[in-house]
Protein backbone atom coordinates (compact mmCIF):
# COMPACT_ATOMS: atom_id res chain seq x y z
CA MET A 1 -7.72 2.89 4.37
CA THR A 2 -10.42 2.46 7.01
CA THR A 3 -10.17 4.15 10.39
CA THR A 4 -9.63 0.73 11.98
CA ASP A 5 -6.73 0.08 9.60
CA LEU A 6 -5.28 3.52 10.37
CA THR A 7 -5.22 2.97 14.12
CA ARG A 8 -4.05 -0.66 13.87
CA ARG A 9 -1.17 0.40 11.61
CA ALA A 10 -0.31 3.32 13.93
CA TYR A 11 -0.09 1.06 17.00
CA GLY A 12 2.07 -1.48 15.18
CA LEU A 13 4.41 1.16 13.85
CA ALA A 14 4.75 2.97 17.18
CA GLU A 15 5.38 -0.30 19.00
CA SER A 16 8.07 -1.33 16.49
CA LEU A 17 9.88 1.99 16.97
CA LEU A 18 9.47 2.53 20.72
CA ALA A 19 8.67 -0.61 22.72
CA GLU A 20 12.12 -2.19 22.81
CA PRO A 21 14.53 0.77 22.73
CA LEU A 22 12.33 3.15 24.78
CA PRO A 23 9.82 1.19 26.88
CA ARG A 24 8.87 4.16 29.06
CA ARG A 25 8.21 6.30 25.99
CA TRP A 26 6.07 3.46 24.64
CA SER A 27 4.08 3.37 27.90
CA HIS A 28 3.57 7.13 27.65
CA SER A 29 2.40 6.81 24.03
CA LEU A 30 -0.11 4.13 24.99
CA GLY A 31 -1.41 6.39 27.77
CA VAL A 32 -1.73 9.32 25.35
CA ALA A 33 -3.68 7.09 22.95
CA GLU A 34 -5.97 6.03 25.81
CA ARG A 35 -6.65 9.71 26.54
CA ALA A 36 -7.44 10.21 22.84
CA ARG A 37 -10.05 7.44 22.99
CA SER A 38 -11.69 9.29 25.90
CA LEU A 39 -12.30 12.28 23.59
CA HIS A 40 -14.51 10.39 21.14
CA SER A 41 -17.60 12.38 22.16
CA ILE A 42 -16.02 15.66 21.04
CA LEU A 43 -13.95 14.40 18.11
CA GLY A 44 -16.59 12.45 16.20
CA GLU A 45 -15.27 11.36 12.80
CA ASP A 46 -11.75 12.54 13.72
CA ALA A 47 -11.52 10.21 16.75
CA ALA A 48 -9.51 7.49 14.96
CA LEU A 49 -7.23 10.08 13.40
CA MET A 50 -6.52 11.52 16.87
CA GLU A 51 -5.86 8.10 18.35
CA ALA A 52 -3.39 7.33 15.55
CA ALA A 53 -1.62 10.68 16.07
CA ALA A 54 -1.59 10.12 19.83
CA VAL A 55 0.12 6.73 19.67
CA LEU A 56 2.59 8.00 17.03
CA HIS A 57 3.34 11.44 18.50
CA ASP A 58 6.70 10.47 20.04
CA VAL A 59 8.09 8.07 17.41
CA GLY A 60 10.73 10.69 16.54
CA TYR A 61 12.56 9.70 19.74
CA SER A 62 13.30 6.28 18.25
CA PRO A 63 17.05 5.86 17.75
CA ARG A 64 16.19 4.24 14.42
CA ILE A 65 14.82 7.46 12.95
CA ALA A 66 16.14 10.35 15.07
CA SER A 67 18.23 12.66 12.89
CA THR A 68 17.86 16.30 14.02
CA GLY A 69 17.31 15.44 17.69
CA PHE A 70 13.96 17.25 17.56
CA HIS A 71 11.42 14.46 17.83
CA PRO A 72 8.32 16.17 16.32
CA LEU A 73 10.24 16.99 13.13
CA ASP A 74 12.06 13.65 12.95
CA GLY A 75 8.86 11.70 13.57
CA ALA A 76 6.75 13.64 11.07
CA ARG A 77 9.41 13.40 8.35
CA PHE A 78 9.73 9.66 8.86
CA LEU A 79 5.96 9.09 8.89
CA ARG A 80 5.51 11.09 5.68
CA ALA A 81 8.54 9.91 3.70
CA GLN A 82 9.03 6.32 4.84
CA GLU A 83 5.57 5.21 5.90
CA GLY A 84 3.14 7.31 3.84
CA VAL A 85 0.98 7.95 6.90
CA ASP A 86 -2.17 10.07 6.53
CA GLU A 87 -1.09 13.71 6.11
CA ARG A 88 -3.34 14.95 8.90
CA VAL A 89 -1.72 12.52 11.35
CA VAL A 90 1.71 13.64 10.12
CA ARG A 91 0.82 17.30 10.72
CA LEU A 92 -0.45 16.55 14.22
CA VAL A 93 2.76 14.68 15.07
CA ALA A 94 4.84 17.54 13.65
CA HIS A 95 3.10 20.19 15.71
CA HIS A 96 2.17 18.31 18.88
CA SER A 97 2.30 20.13 22.19
CA CYS A 98 3.46 23.56 21.01
CA ALA A 99 6.31 22.14 18.93
CA LEU A 100 6.84 25.44 17.08
CA LEU A 101 8.07 27.02 20.31
CA GLU A 102 10.56 24.22 20.91
CA ALA A 103 11.60 24.37 17.25
CA GLU A 104 12.35 28.04 17.77
CA GLU A 105 14.64 27.19 20.73
CA ARG A 106 16.46 24.71 18.48
CA GLY A 107 16.73 26.97 15.44
CA LEU A 108 14.33 24.73 13.49
CA ARG A 109 11.13 26.81 13.49
CA GLU A 110 11.37 27.73 9.81
CA GLU A 111 11.90 24.10 8.78
CA LEU A 112 8.95 22.85 10.84
CA ALA A 113 6.60 25.64 9.78
CA THR A 114 7.54 25.34 6.10
CA GLU A 115 7.39 21.55 5.85
CA PHE A 116 4.24 20.94 7.90
CA GLU A 117 1.02 22.96 7.99
CA LEU A 118 -0.85 23.27 11.25
CA GLU A 119 -3.88 21.03 11.65
CA GLN A 120 -7.31 22.27 12.82
CA PRO A 121 -7.01 24.11 16.16
CA ALA A 122 -9.52 21.81 17.90
CA LEU A 123 -7.40 18.77 16.98
CA VAL A 124 -4.16 20.49 17.96
CA ASP A 125 -5.77 21.27 21.34
CA ALA A 126 -6.93 17.67 21.69
CA LEU A 127 -3.42 16.28 21.18
CA VAL A 128 -1.98 18.81 23.63
CA PHE A 129 -4.61 17.65 26.13
CA CYS A 130 -3.78 13.98 25.58
CA ASP A 131 0.00 14.46 25.80
CA MET A 132 0.07 16.98 28.63
CA THR A 133 -2.33 15.12 30.91
CA THR A 134 -0.41 11.83 30.62
CA THR A 135 2.60 10.93 32.76
CA PRO A 136 5.81 9.47 31.32
CA ASP A 137 4.55 6.06 32.49
CA GLY A 138 1.13 6.42 30.85
CA GLY A 139 -0.98 7.47 33.84
CA HIS A 140 -3.29 10.46 34.13
CA THR A 141 -2.09 13.78 35.53
CA SER A 142 -2.84 17.50 35.39
CA SER A 143 -1.14 19.80 32.91
CA ASP A 144 0.38 21.71 35.86
CA ALA A 145 1.96 18.54 37.24
CA ARG A 146 3.11 17.45 33.77
CA VAL A 147 4.82 20.78 33.03
CA SER A 148 6.51 20.66 36.45
CA GLU A 149 7.64 17.08 35.83
CA ILE A 150 9.18 18.03 32.47
CA ILE A 151 11.03 21.00 34.00
CA GLY A 152 12.28 18.74 36.80
CA ARG A 153 13.41 16.03 34.40
CA TYR A 154 15.23 18.28 31.94
CA GLY A 155 16.12 21.29 34.12
CA PRO A 156 14.80 24.85 33.78
CA ASP A 157 17.75 26.16 31.76
CA THR A 158 17.85 23.46 29.08
CA ILE A 159 16.26 23.77 25.64
CA VAL A 160 13.29 21.65 26.74
CA GLY A 161 13.05 23.43 30.10
CA ARG A 162 13.00 26.87 28.49
CA PHE A 163 10.52 25.75 25.84
CA ILE A 164 8.07 24.15 28.28
CA GLN A 165 8.08 27.23 30.50
CA ARG A 166 7.27 29.42 27.48
CA ALA A 167 4.63 26.97 26.26
CA ALA A 168 2.97 26.40 29.65
CA PRO A 169 0.28 29.12 29.28
CA GLU A 170 -0.82 27.75 25.90
CA ILE A 171 -0.66 24.15 27.15
CA HIS A 172 -2.90 24.98 30.10
CA ALA A 173 -5.28 26.99 27.88
CA ALA A 174 -5.56 24.09 25.39
CA VAL A 175 -6.28 21.64 28.20
CA GLN A 176 -8.96 23.98 29.57
CA ARG A 177 -10.56 24.33 26.12
CA VAL A 178 -10.74 20.55 25.72
CA GLU A 179 -12.09 20.08 29.25
CA GLY A 180 -14.72 22.73 28.47
CA ARG A 181 -15.76 20.90 25.30
CA LEU A 182 -15.92 17.59 27.19
CA SER A 183 -18.02 19.15 29.92
CA ALA A 184 -20.40 20.72 27.40
CA SER A 185 -20.67 17.41 25.54
CA GLN A 186 -21.50 15.56 28.75
CA ARG A 187 -24.12 18.15 29.71
CA ALA A 188 -25.67 17.92 26.25
CA GLY A 189 -25.92 14.14 26.59
CA GLN A 190 -27.56 14.27 30.03
CA PRO A 191 -31.32 13.80 30.21
CA MET A 192 -33.17 16.76 31.66
């Protein structure tokens, strides 16, 4: 499958699962994919893979496939078993945005860690960056504002609220690493 086929298929699949039942989640996914396209200079040959993972990262919220209520696990299982999606994309979806910490809050850490290997750290960071600098409506934001928005939406004492507070330092660090790589890439491309 070509990289163009991979991304085209990912968009179609994500739209079929999210656009009608969860239009705001679909808008967010499109915004995350747009952020992924902006990382082409640092992702090189993995750019299409990242864009596919970005648009698919939240498909586990779809009522059609949700089973455990933990969207990274539900989405990754569906993509692997039902759709035969590229294994690297599946792993990125499974582990997006510090999912192991949320899995721990839900008593699902062992399942997630056993079923899905972690992808390369630079790609994991890139997906954190894309997801955590995109608003629920698909706009750009800072990771600080995004974490605050999630806490406000779910509440600080909920599973998601507790998880995001624990994950915040790693989220911010991942965003900073990606911003550093982007900055270095831009400097390297500048004429002297």
